[in-house]
């Protein structure tokens, strides 16, 4: 049988939580408002599937371009290309340079 090439393939270690991280989300993470121009880190929360970016963007630093519904449009560089991804706030953290 052919190997699956799904959206979350090869993410066993990347998208798994440590035992102390499991449980409900922090409310502050959901309610944090990002303004256009803010730098953010894409840190995927595997317990929330909605608005989850692709695993290749995990750990990347980008800038918020705008807002679309509850989600944010984040500009991320990948090699030479600049990509705009749509991410919900559960998967974002403020960038601490």
N, C-alpha and C. Protein backbone atom coordinates (compact mmCIF):
# COMPACT_ATOMS: atom_id res chain seq x y z
N UNK A 1 0.84 -1.18 0.00
CA UNK A 1 0.00 0.00 0.00
C UNK A 1 0.88 1.25 0.00
N UNK A 2 0.48 2.27 -0.73
CA UNK A 2 1.25 3.51 -0.81
C UNK A 2 1.17 4.29 0.49
N UNK A 3 2.24 5.01 0.77
CA UNK A 3 2.30 5.81 1.99
C UNK A 3 1.42 7.05 1.85
N UNK A 4 0.74 7.40 2.92
CA UNK A 4 -0.12 8.58 2.90
C UNK A 4 0.72 9.85 2.85
N UNK A 5 0.28 10.81 2.06
CA UNK A 5 0.96 12.11 1.96
C UNK A 5 0.00 13.20 2.44
N UNK A 6 -0.66 12.93 3.56
CA UNK A 6 -1.67 13.86 4.07
C UNK A 6 -1.08 15.15 4.62
N UNK A 7 -1.95 16.04 5.05
CA UNK A 7 -1.57 17.38 5.51
C UNK A 7 -0.72 17.33 6.77
N UNK A 8 -0.93 16.28 7.59
CA UNK A 8 -0.19 16.18 8.85
C UNK A 8 0.78 15.00 8.85
N UNK A 9 1.20 14.56 7.70
CA UNK A 9 2.14 13.44 7.65
C UNK A 9 3.50 13.87 8.18
N UNK A 10 4.21 12.94 8.82
CA UNK A 10 5.53 13.16 9.44
C UNK A 10 5.49 14.19 10.56
N UNK A 11 4.42 14.23 11.33
CA UNK A 11 4.31 15.22 12.40
C UNK A 11 4.18 14.58 13.77
N UNK A 12 4.58 13.33 13.91
CA UNK A 12 4.39 12.63 15.19
C UNK A 12 5.09 13.36 16.34
N UNK A 13 6.33 13.78 16.15
CA UNK A 13 7.06 14.49 17.20
C UNK A 13 6.77 15.99 17.17
N UNK A 14 6.65 16.52 15.97
CA UNK A 14 6.46 17.97 15.81
C UNK A 14 5.14 18.43 16.42
N UNK A 15 4.07 17.70 16.15
CA UNK A 15 2.74 18.11 16.62
C UNK A 15 2.27 17.22 17.76
N UNK A 16 3.11 17.04 18.77
CA UNK A 16 2.68 16.33 19.97
C UNK A 16 3.02 17.20 21.16
N UNK A 17 2.16 17.14 22.17
CA UNK A 17 2.34 17.96 23.36
C UNK A 17 3.04 17.16 24.45
N UNK A 18 3.77 17.85 25.27
CA UNK A 18 4.37 17.24 26.45
C UNK A 18 3.24 17.04 27.47
N UNK A 19 3.40 16.10 28.41
CA UNK A 19 2.32 15.82 29.37
C UNK A 19 1.84 17.05 30.15
N UNK A 20 2.73 17.94 30.52
CA UNK A 20 2.31 19.12 31.29
C UNK A 20 1.64 20.20 30.44
N UNK A 21 1.76 20.09 29.14
CA UNK A 21 1.14 21.08 28.24
C UNK A 21 -0.29 20.69 27.87
N UNK A 22 -0.66 19.44 28.15
CA UNK A 22 -1.98 18.96 27.74
C UNK A 22 -3.07 19.62 28.57
N UNK A 23 -4.27 19.65 28.01
CA UNK A 23 -5.40 20.24 28.72
C UNK A 23 -5.97 21.41 27.96
N UNK A 24 -6.72 22.23 28.66
CA UNK A 24 -7.40 23.36 28.02
C UNK A 24 -6.40 24.44 27.60
N UNK A 25 -6.81 25.21 26.60
CA UNK A 25 -6.00 26.33 26.12
C UNK A 25 -6.04 27.48 27.12
N UNK A 26 -4.96 28.25 27.14
CA UNK A 26 -4.98 29.47 27.95
C UNK A 26 -5.86 30.50 27.25
N UNK A 27 -6.71 31.16 28.01
CA UNK A 27 -7.59 32.15 27.43
C UNK A 27 -6.82 33.34 26.87
N UNK A 28 -5.71 33.68 27.50
CA UNK A 28 -4.93 34.82 27.04
C UNK A 28 -4.39 34.58 25.64
N UNK A 29 -4.15 33.33 25.29
CA UNK A 29 -3.66 33.02 23.95
C UNK A 29 -4.73 33.27 22.90
N UNK A 30 -5.98 32.99 23.26
CA UNK A 30 -7.08 33.20 22.32
C UNK A 30 -7.46 34.67 22.19
N UNK A 31 -7.38 35.39 23.30
CA UNK A 31 -7.87 36.77 23.30
C UNK A 31 -6.81 37.80 22.93
N UNK A 32 -5.58 37.38 22.69
CA UNK A 32 -4.51 38.32 22.36
C UNK A 32 -4.78 38.92 20.98
N UNK A 33 -4.78 40.25 20.92
CA UNK A 33 -5.01 40.95 19.66
C UNK A 33 -3.68 41.34 19.04
N UNK A 34 -3.50 41.01 17.78
CA UNK A 34 -2.29 41.38 17.05
C UNK A 34 -2.63 42.51 16.09
N UNK A 35 -1.76 43.48 16.02
CA UNK A 35 -1.94 44.62 15.12
C UNK A 35 -1.11 44.39 13.86
N UNK A 36 -1.53 44.93 12.72
CA UNK A 36 -0.70 44.81 11.51
C UNK A 36 0.68 45.41 11.75
N UNK A 37 1.70 44.66 11.36
CA UNK A 37 3.07 45.07 11.58
C UNK A 37 3.73 44.36 12.74
N UNK A 38 2.95 43.71 13.62
CA UNK A 38 3.53 42.97 14.75
C UNK A 38 4.26 41.73 14.24
N UNK A 39 5.37 41.40 14.88
CA UNK A 39 6.08 40.16 14.58
C UNK A 39 5.52 39.04 15.44
N UNK A 40 5.28 37.91 14.81
CA UNK A 40 4.72 36.76 15.51
C UNK A 40 5.50 35.50 15.15
N UNK A 41 5.46 34.53 16.07
CA UNK A 41 6.04 33.21 15.82
C UNK A 41 4.90 32.24 15.58
N UNK A 42 5.00 31.44 14.54
CA UNK A 42 3.99 30.43 14.26
C UNK A 42 4.36 29.20 15.07
N UNK A 43 3.55 28.91 16.09
CA UNK A 43 3.76 27.74 16.93
C UNK A 43 2.45 26.96 16.94
N UNK A 44 2.42 25.87 16.21
CA UNK A 44 1.18 25.10 16.00
C UNK A 44 0.75 24.42 17.30
N UNK A 45 -0.52 24.59 17.63
CA UNK A 45 -1.12 23.89 18.77
C UNK A 45 -1.88 22.69 18.22
N UNK A 46 -1.39 21.46 18.45
CA UNK A 46 -2.02 20.30 17.82
C UNK A 46 -3.40 19.96 18.34
N UNK A 47 -3.80 20.52 19.49
CA UNK A 47 -5.13 20.20 20.01
C UNK A 47 -6.22 20.99 19.30
N UNK A 48 -5.85 21.99 18.50
CA UNK A 48 -6.83 22.78 17.74
C UNK A 48 -6.52 22.58 16.26
N UNK A 49 -7.45 21.94 15.53
CA UNK A 49 -7.20 21.68 14.11
C UNK A 49 -7.64 22.83 13.23
N UNK A 50 -8.59 23.63 13.71
CA UNK A 50 -9.11 24.71 12.90
C UNK A 50 -8.08 25.82 12.75
N UNK A 51 -7.88 26.30 11.55
CA UNK A 51 -6.96 27.41 11.32
C UNK A 51 -5.51 27.04 11.51
N UNK A 52 -5.20 25.75 11.37
CA UNK A 52 -3.83 25.28 11.58
C UNK A 52 -3.04 25.44 10.27
N UNK A 53 -1.88 26.09 10.35
CA UNK A 53 -1.06 26.20 9.14
C UNK A 53 -0.33 24.89 8.85
N UNK A 54 0.28 24.80 7.70
CA UNK A 54 1.05 23.61 7.34
C UNK A 54 2.26 23.50 8.24
N UNK A 55 2.74 22.28 8.45
CA UNK A 55 3.83 22.04 9.39
C UNK A 55 5.13 22.71 8.97
N UNK A 56 5.29 23.04 7.69
CA UNK A 56 6.53 23.68 7.24
C UNK A 56 6.69 25.09 7.81
N UNK A 57 5.60 25.68 8.31
CA UNK A 57 5.66 27.03 8.86
C UNK A 57 5.85 27.03 10.38
N UNK A 58 5.89 25.85 11.02
CA UNK A 58 6.05 25.75 12.46
C UNK A 58 7.40 26.31 12.88
N UNK A 59 7.39 27.27 13.79
CA UNK A 59 8.63 27.88 14.27
C UNK A 59 9.09 29.07 13.48
N UNK A 60 8.40 29.41 12.40
CA UNK A 60 8.79 30.55 11.56
C UNK A 60 8.34 31.86 12.19
N UNK A 61 9.06 32.91 11.89
CA UNK A 61 8.71 34.25 12.35
C UNK A 61 8.16 35.01 11.16
N UNK A 62 7.03 35.66 11.37
CA UNK A 62 6.41 36.44 10.30
C UNK A 62 5.83 37.72 10.86
N UNK A 63 5.26 38.53 9.96
CA UNK A 63 4.62 39.77 10.37
C UNK A 63 3.15 39.71 10.02
N UNK A 64 2.33 40.26 10.90
CA UNK A 64 0.89 40.28 10.69
C UNK A 64 0.58 41.33 9.63
N UNK A 65 -0.16 40.91 8.60
CA UNK A 65 -0.53 41.82 7.51
C UNK A 65 -1.93 42.38 7.74
N UNK A 66 -2.83 41.52 8.18
CA UNK A 66 -4.21 41.94 8.41
C UNK A 66 -4.98 40.88 9.14
N UNK A 67 -6.31 41.10 9.20
CA UNK A 67 -7.18 40.17 9.90
C UNK A 67 -8.26 39.72 8.94
N UNK A 68 -8.63 38.44 9.04
CA UNK A 68 -9.70 37.91 8.21
C UNK A 68 -10.59 37.07 9.10
N UNK A 69 -11.71 37.63 9.53
CA UNK A 69 -12.57 36.96 10.50
C UNK A 69 -11.86 36.89 11.83
N UNK A 70 -11.76 35.69 12.41
CA UNK A 70 -11.00 35.51 13.65
C UNK A 70 -9.52 35.31 13.38
N UNK A 71 -9.20 34.97 12.14
CA UNK A 71 -7.82 34.62 11.78
C UNK A 71 -7.01 35.84 11.41
N UNK A 72 -5.70 35.62 11.33
CA UNK A 72 -4.77 36.67 10.93
C UNK A 72 -4.05 36.24 9.67
N UNK A 73 -3.76 37.21 8.81
CA UNK A 73 -2.96 36.96 7.63
C UNK A 73 -1.52 37.29 8.00
N UNK A 74 -0.64 36.29 7.91
CA UNK A 74 0.74 36.45 8.34
C UNK A 74 1.65 36.26 7.13
N UNK A 75 2.58 37.19 6.96
CA UNK A 75 3.54 37.11 5.87
C UNK A 75 4.80 36.42 6.39
N UNK A 76 5.16 35.28 5.76
CA UNK A 76 6.29 34.47 6.20
C UNK A 76 7.23 34.27 5.01
N UNK A 77 8.54 34.38 5.26
CA UNK A 77 9.49 34.11 4.19
C UNK A 77 9.87 32.63 4.23
N UNK A 78 9.91 32.03 3.04
CA UNK A 78 10.30 30.63 2.91
C UNK A 78 11.30 30.57 1.76
N UNK A 79 12.58 30.56 2.12
CA UNK A 79 13.61 30.61 1.09
C UNK A 79 13.60 31.98 0.45
N UNK A 80 13.41 32.03 -0.86
CA UNK A 80 13.34 33.31 -1.57
C UNK A 80 11.92 33.86 -1.63
N UNK A 81 10.93 32.97 -1.46
CA UNK A 81 9.53 33.36 -1.61
C UNK A 81 8.97 33.95 -0.32
N UNK A 82 8.03 34.87 -0.48
CA UNK A 82 7.29 35.43 0.65
C UNK A 82 5.87 34.91 0.56
N UNK A 83 5.45 34.15 1.57
CA UNK A 83 4.13 33.53 1.56
C UNK A 83 3.22 34.24 2.54
N UNK A 84 1.94 34.30 2.22
CA UNK A 84 0.93 34.81 3.14
C UNK A 84 0.07 33.64 3.57
N UNK A 85 0.07 33.37 4.88
CA UNK A 85 -0.72 32.26 5.39
C UNK A 85 -1.81 32.81 6.31
N UNK A 86 -2.90 32.07 6.38
CA UNK A 86 -4.04 32.47 7.23
C UNK A 86 -4.01 31.55 8.45
N UNK A 87 -3.84 32.16 9.63
CA UNK A 87 -3.62 31.40 10.86
C UNK A 87 -4.52 31.94 11.95
N UNK A 88 -5.10 31.04 12.75
CA UNK A 88 -5.88 31.48 13.90
C UNK A 88 -4.96 31.79 15.06
N UNK A 89 -5.41 32.61 16.02
CA UNK A 89 -4.53 33.07 17.10
C UNK A 89 -4.03 31.96 18.02
N UNK A 90 -4.67 30.79 18.03
CA UNK A 90 -4.20 29.69 18.86
C UNK A 90 -2.82 29.22 18.43
N UNK A 91 -2.48 29.44 17.17
CA UNK A 91 -1.23 28.96 16.61
C UNK A 91 -0.18 30.07 16.49
N UNK A 92 -0.44 31.21 17.12
CA UNK A 92 0.50 32.33 17.06
C UNK A 92 0.98 32.71 18.46
N UNK A 93 2.19 33.25 18.53
CA UNK A 93 2.73 33.80 19.76
C UNK A 93 3.44 35.11 19.41
N UNK A 94 3.43 36.09 20.31
CA UNK A 94 4.21 37.30 20.04
C UNK A 94 5.69 36.94 19.95
N UNK A 95 6.39 37.57 19.01
CA UNK A 95 7.81 37.28 18.81
C UNK A 95 8.63 37.97 19.88
N UNK A 96 9.46 37.17 20.57
CA UNK A 96 10.35 37.73 21.57
C UNK A 96 11.76 37.62 21.03
N UNK A 97 12.22 38.67 20.33
CA UNK A 97 13.51 38.70 19.65
C UNK A 97 14.61 38.42 20.52
